[in-house]
Amino acid sequence: MSFDWNLLSVSFITVFLSELGDKSQLAAIALGGSSSSPKAVFLGTASALVFASFLGVLLGEGTAQILPTQIVKGAAAIGFALLAIRLLWPDGKTDG
């Protein structure tokens, strides 16, 4: 059984870049800044990210066993596109 170092690199870079400035990072900043134990905040936030990633991988693996890979990739692409459109779509609220 060989290990796919390229996939590891792509996964790391993708998740790392997507988490920069994310709500979870902002929460970690707030917790770390107001805590007397930054190590506990680090361990809590890191383990939460690991667990969420684990669930995502399990869901992806299970879905890929049921559906063809192209459909899984297509659904993910459509989901990301819908999120991007929603972020760009005005919500009718005014700033100020």
C-alpha atoms as a PDB file:
ATOM      1  CA  MET A   1       0.000   0.000   0.000  1.00  0.00           C
ATOM      2  CA  SER A   2       1.570   3.273  -1.100  1.00  0.00           C
ATOM      3  CA  PHE A   3       0.915   6.705   0.330  1.00  0.00           C
ATOM      4  CA  ASP A   4      -0.145   9.527  -1.999  1.00  0.00           C
ATOM      5  CA  TRP A   5       2.047  12.464  -0.938  1.00  0.00           C
ATOM      6  CA  ASN A   6       0.686  14.642  -3.749  1.00  0.00           C
ATOM      7  CA  LEU A   7      -2.873  14.190  -2.476  1.00  0.00           C
ATOM      8  CA  LEU A   8      -1.681  14.985   1.059  1.00  0.00           C
ATOM      9  CA  SER A   9      -0.101  18.219  -0.191  1.00  0.00           C
ATOM     10  CA  VAL A  10      -3.151  19.266  -2.191  1.00  0.00           C
ATOM     11  CA  SER A  11      -5.467  18.477   0.730  1.00  0.00           C
ATOM     12  CA  PHE A  12      -3.306  20.414   3.191  1.00  0.00           C
ATOM     13  CA  ILE A  13      -2.989  23.475   0.965  1.00  0.00           C
ATOM     14  CA  THR A  14      -6.693  23.492   0.077  1.00  0.00           C
ATOM     15  CA  VAL A  15      -7.910  23.243   3.666  1.00  0.00           C
ATOM     16  CA  PHE A  16      -5.239  25.599   5.021  1.00  0.00           C
ATOM     17  CA  LEU A  17      -6.094  28.332   2.523  1.00  0.00           C
ATOM     18  CA  SER A  18      -9.841  27.876   2.926  1.00  0.00           C
ATOM     19  CA  GLU A  19      -9.560  28.156   6.721  1.00  0.00           C
ATOM     20  CA  LEU A  20      -7.580  31.424   6.691  1.00  0.00           C
ATOM     21  CA  GLY A  21      -9.910  34.167   7.882  1.00  0.00           C
ATOM     22  CA  ASP A  22     -12.730  31.674   8.348  1.00  0.00           C
ATOM     23  CA  LYS A  23     -15.199  31.879  11.239  1.00  0.00           C
ATOM     24  CA  SER A  24     -13.391  29.078  13.021  1.00  0.00           C
ATOM     25  CA  GLN A  25     -10.090  30.927  12.869  1.00  0.00           C
ATOM     26  CA  LEU A  26     -11.729  34.116  14.107  1.00  0.00           C
ATOM     27  CA  ALA A  27     -13.290  32.149  16.968  1.00  0.00           C
ATOM     28  CA  ALA A  28      -9.866  30.698  17.809  1.00  0.00           C
ATOM     29  CA  ILE A  29      -8.386  34.203  17.812  1.00  0.00           C
ATOM     30  CA  ALA A  30     -11.122  35.456  20.136  1.00  0.00           C
ATOM     31  CA  LEU A  31     -10.816  32.457  22.461  1.00  0.00           C
ATOM     32  CA  GLY A  32      -7.019  32.593  22.442  1.00  0.00           C
ATOM     33  CA  GLY A  33      -6.993  36.301  23.192  1.00  0.00           C
ATOM     34  CA  SER A  34      -9.390  36.013  26.121  1.00  0.00           C
ATOM     35  CA  SER A  35      -8.019  32.789  27.586  1.00  0.00           C
ATOM     36  CA  SER A  36      -5.395  32.174  30.211  1.00  0.00           C
ATOM     37  CA  SER A  37      -4.609  28.836  28.525  1.00  0.00           C
ATOM     38  CA  PRO A  38      -3.858  29.251  24.808  1.00  0.00           C
ATOM     39  CA  LYS A  39      -2.638  25.638  24.669  1.00  0.00           C
ATOM     40  CA  ALA A  40      -6.124  24.430  25.610  1.00  0.00           C
ATOM     41  CA  VAL A  41      -7.641  26.668  22.914  1.00  0.00           C
ATOM     42  CA  PHE A  42      -5.191  25.284  20.351  1.00  0.00           C
ATOM     43  CA  LEU A  43      -5.880  21.673  21.300  1.00  0.00           C
ATOM     44  CA  GLY A  44      -9.644  22.255  21.305  1.00  0.00           C
ATOM     45  CA  THR A  45      -9.770  24.044  17.959  1.00  0.00           C
ATOM     46  CA  ALA A  46      -7.267  21.694  16.293  1.00  0.00           C
ATOM     47  CA  SER A  47      -9.130  18.587  17.437  1.00  0.00           C
ATOM     48  CA  ALA A  48     -12.438  20.095  16.269  1.00  0.00           C
ATOM     49  CA  LEU A  49     -10.978  20.692  12.793  1.00  0.00           C
ATOM     50  CA  VAL A  50      -9.544  17.173  12.703  1.00  0.00           C
ATOM     51  CA  PHE A  51     -12.900  15.671  13.730  1.00  0.00           C
ATOM     52  CA  ALA A  52     -14.861  17.774  11.197  1.00  0.00           C
ATOM     53  CA  SER A  53     -12.402  16.740   8.477  1.00  0.00           C
ATOM     54  CA  PHE A  54     -12.730  13.092   9.530  1.00  0.00           C
ATOM     55  CA  LEU A  55     -16.516  13.291   9.173  1.00  0.00           C
ATOM     56  CA  GLY A  56     -16.153  14.933   5.770  1.00  0.00           C
ATOM     57  CA  VAL A  57     -13.791  12.237   4.538  1.00  0.00           C
ATOM     58  CA  LEU A  58     -16.116   9.479   5.783  1.00  0.00           C
ATOM     59  CA  LEU A  59     -19.099  11.133   4.098  1.00  0.00           C
ATOM     60  CA  GLY A  60     -17.129  11.604   0.875  1.00  0.00           C
ATOM     61  CA  GLU A  61     -15.881   8.032   0.890  1.00  0.00           C
ATOM     62  CA  GLY A  62     -19.361   6.641   1.560  1.00  0.00           C
ATOM     63  CA  THR A  63     -20.923   8.800  -1.124  1.00  0.00           C
ATOM     64  CA  ALA A  64     -18.238   7.811  -3.638  1.00  0.00           C
ATOM     65  CA  GLN A  65     -19.024   4.132  -3.029  1.00  0.00           C
ATOM     66  CA  ILE A  66     -22.693   4.705  -3.857  1.00  0.00           C
ATOM     67  CA  LEU A  67     -22.431   7.276  -6.662  1.00  0.00           C
ATOM     68  CA  PRO A  68     -20.002   7.612  -9.586  1.00  0.00           C
ATOM     69  CA  THR A  69     -17.040   9.905  -8.895  1.00  0.00           C
ATOM     70  CA  GLN A  70     -18.106  12.382 -11.588  1.00  0.00           C
ATOM     71  CA  ILE A  71     -21.471  12.898  -9.869  1.00  0.00           C
ATOM     72  CA  VAL A  72     -19.806  13.452  -6.471  1.00  0.00           C
ATOM     73  CA  LYS A  73     -17.347  15.955  -7.981  1.00  0.00           C
ATOM     74  CA  GLY A  74     -20.156  17.649  -9.897  1.00  0.00           C
ATOM     75  CA  ALA A  75     -22.304  17.972  -6.778  1.00  0.00           C
ATOM     76  CA  ALA A  76     -19.351  19.454  -4.868  1.00  0.00           C
ATOM     77  CA  ALA A  77     -18.644  21.916  -7.695  1.00  0.00           C
ATOM     78  CA  ILE A  78     -22.289  22.980  -7.851  1.00  0.00           C
ATOM     79  CA  GLY A  79     -22.353  23.391  -4.075  1.00  0.00           C
ATOM     80  CA  PHE A  80     -19.279  25.623  -4.124  1.00  0.00           C
ATOM     81  CA  ALA A  81     -20.709  27.646  -7.029  1.00  0.00           C
ATOM     82  CA  LEU A  82     -23.982  28.179  -5.159  1.00  0.00           C
ATOM     83  CA  LEU A  83     -22.089  29.315  -2.059  1.00  0.00           C
ATOM     84  CA  ALA A  84     -20.030  31.729  -4.160  1.00  0.00           C
ATOM     85  CA  ILE A  85     -23.139  33.165  -5.822  1.00  0.00           C
ATOM     86  CA  ARG A  86     -24.840  33.535  -2.430  1.00  0.00           C
ATOM     87  CA  LEU A  87     -21.826  35.405  -1.059  1.00  0.00           C
ATOM     88  CA  LEU A  88     -21.923  37.803  -4.009  1.00  0.00           C
ATOM     89  CA  TRP A  89     -25.718  38.221  -4.003  1.00  0.00           C
ATOM     90  CA  PRO A  90     -26.940  41.330  -2.160  1.00  0.00           C
ATOM     91  CA  ASP A  91     -29.134  40.497   0.828  1.00  0.00           C
ATOM     92  CA  GLY A  92     -31.048  43.775   0.852  1.00  0.00           C
ATOM     93  CA  LYS A  93     -29.446  45.024   4.068  1.00  0.00           C
ATOM     94  CA  THR A  94     -27.683  48.342   4.092  1.00  0.00           C
ATOM     95  CA  ASP A  95     -24.380  49.009   5.781  1.00  0.00           C
ATOM     96  CA  GLY A  96     -25.000  51.832   8.140  1.00  0.00           C
END
